């Protein structure tokens, strides 16, 4: 049995082809991310990967649309989004398939 700490991972990413990683693979990337109100990620898209974002708690805004706990947003390759956290302590799970390195393009 292995034990790890999410706080030791880079921005919550713990599976994928990066360091540190609990399982190094190009097949998928997985993260559990925690945000504070006002945290923002610039509009971007992926050419290869599909990105699944599940809001576990809190509220976020993507492309001007508000999402809350229980919502799952699927961004297909070529679809762009930004990300703004609307509530302290917001948590989401992000899965990218495949785990394509250098596949984030800022607008």
Protein backbone atom coordinates (compact mmCIF):
# COMPACT_ATOMS: atom_id res chain seq x y z
CA UNK A 1 0.00 0.00 0.00
CA UNK A 2 1.25 3.48 -0.92
CA UNK A 3 0.26 6.63 0.90
CA UNK A 4 0.64 10.09 -0.60
CA UNK A 5 -0.54 13.61 0.18
CA UNK A 6 -2.50 15.70 -2.30
CA UNK A 7 -0.65 18.73 -0.94
CA UNK A 8 2.60 17.21 -2.27
CA UNK A 9 1.24 17.15 -5.83
CA UNK A 10 1.54 20.05 -8.29
CA UNK A 11 -1.80 21.92 -8.43
CA UNK A 12 -3.64 18.73 -7.40
CA UNK A 13 -2.47 16.63 -10.38
CA UNK A 14 -1.55 13.15 -9.15
CA UNK A 15 -1.88 10.79 -12.15
CA UNK A 16 -0.22 11.51 -15.49
CA UNK A 17 3.11 11.97 -17.24
CA UNK A 18 4.60 14.62 -14.93
CA UNK A 19 6.47 14.91 -11.64
CA UNK A 20 5.43 14.14 -9.05
CA UNK A 21 2.95 11.49 -10.13
CA UNK A 22 1.63 8.40 -8.37
CA UNK A 23 1.10 6.67 -11.72
CA UNK A 24 3.11 7.88 -14.68
CA UNK A 25 1.11 7.50 -17.91
CA UNK A 26 0.19 9.35 -21.11
CA UNK A 27 -3.21 7.64 -21.15
CA UNK A 28 -4.92 9.93 -18.63
CA UNK A 29 -4.37 12.82 -16.21
CA UNK A 30 -6.29 13.15 -12.94
CA UNK A 31 -6.40 15.98 -10.40
CA UNK A 32 -8.32 17.06 -7.32
CA UNK A 33 -8.15 20.84 -7.24
CA UNK A 34 -9.09 23.32 -4.52
CA UNK A 35 -9.78 26.97 -5.31
CA UNK A 36 -10.49 30.22 -3.50
CA UNK A 37 -12.99 32.83 -4.62
CA UNK A 38 -11.52 34.88 -7.45
CA UNK A 39 -9.00 32.27 -8.62
CA UNK A 40 -8.95 32.45 -12.40
CA UNK A 41 -7.54 30.43 -15.30
CA UNK A 42 -7.27 32.07 -18.71
CA UNK A 43 -9.31 30.85 -21.64
CA UNK A 44 -7.65 27.80 -23.19
CA UNK A 45 -8.36 24.70 -25.22
CA UNK A 46 -6.83 21.32 -25.96
CA UNK A 47 -6.20 20.00 -29.47
CA UNK A 48 -6.00 16.34 -28.40
CA UNK A 49 -7.48 15.79 -24.93
CA UNK A 50 -11.07 15.77 -23.72
CA UNK A 51 -11.32 17.38 -20.27
CA UNK A 52 -13.94 16.32 -17.73
CA UNK A 53 -14.49 18.65 -14.76
CA UNK A 54 -16.72 17.51 -11.90
CA UNK A 55 -17.61 20.15 -9.32
CA UNK A 56 -17.49 18.46 -5.90
CA UNK A 57 -18.26 21.54 -3.80
CA UNK A 58 -18.62 25.26 -4.31
CA UNK A 59 -19.39 27.25 -7.45
CA UNK A 60 -17.44 28.15 -10.59
CA UNK A 61 -18.01 30.04 -13.80
CA UNK A 62 -16.84 28.76 -17.17
CA UNK A 63 -17.53 30.74 -20.36
CA UNK A 64 -19.93 32.94 -18.39
CA UNK A 65 -22.04 29.99 -17.17
CA UNK A 66 -22.25 29.17 -13.46
CA UNK A 67 -21.82 25.57 -12.30
CA UNK A 68 -22.23 24.10 -8.82
CA UNK A 69 -21.64 20.88 -6.87
CA UNK A 70 -22.74 17.84 -8.86
CA UNK A 71 -22.27 19.43 -12.29
CA UNK A 72 -19.94 17.73 -14.77
CA UNK A 73 -18.59 19.77 -17.66
CA UNK A 74 -17.11 18.00 -20.69
CA UNK A 75 -14.80 20.02 -22.93
CA UNK A 76 -14.06 18.29 -26.24
CA UNK A 77 -10.87 18.98 -28.21
CA UNK A 78 -11.00 22.45 -29.75
CA UNK A 79 -13.60 23.81 -27.30
CA UNK A 80 -12.25 26.73 -25.29
CA UNK A 81 -13.10 27.80 -21.76
CA UNK A 82 -11.90 30.04 -19.00
CA UNK A 83 -12.42 29.24 -15.32
CA UNK A 84 -13.32 31.50 -12.42
CA UNK A 85 -13.92 30.33 -8.86
CA UNK A 86 -16.96 31.99 -7.24
CA UNK A 87 -16.68 30.56 -3.72
CA UNK A 88 -13.86 29.85 -1.24
CA UNK A 89 -13.05 26.18 -0.77
CA UNK A 90 -14.41 25.08 -4.15
CA UNK A 91 -13.21 21.59 -5.03
CA UNK A 92 -13.32 19.87 -8.40
CA UNK A 93 -12.00 16.69 -9.97
CA UNK A 94 -10.46 17.00 -13.42
CA UNK A 95 -9.80 14.09 -15.78
CA UNK A 96 -8.04 14.58 -19.12
CA UNK A 97 -8.07 11.81 -21.70
CA UNK A 98 -5.56 11.20 -23.15
CA UNK A 99 -2.93 12.73 -20.94
CA UNK A 100 -1.30 14.62 -23.81
CA UNK A 101 1.73 16.63 -22.72
CA UNK A 102 1.90 20.26 -23.90
CA UNK A 103 -1.73 20.18 -25.09
CA UNK A 104 -2.89 23.43 -23.45
CA UNK A 105 -3.30 26.40 -25.79
CA UNK A 106 -4.05 29.85 -24.35
CA UNK A 107 -6.30 32.21 -26.28
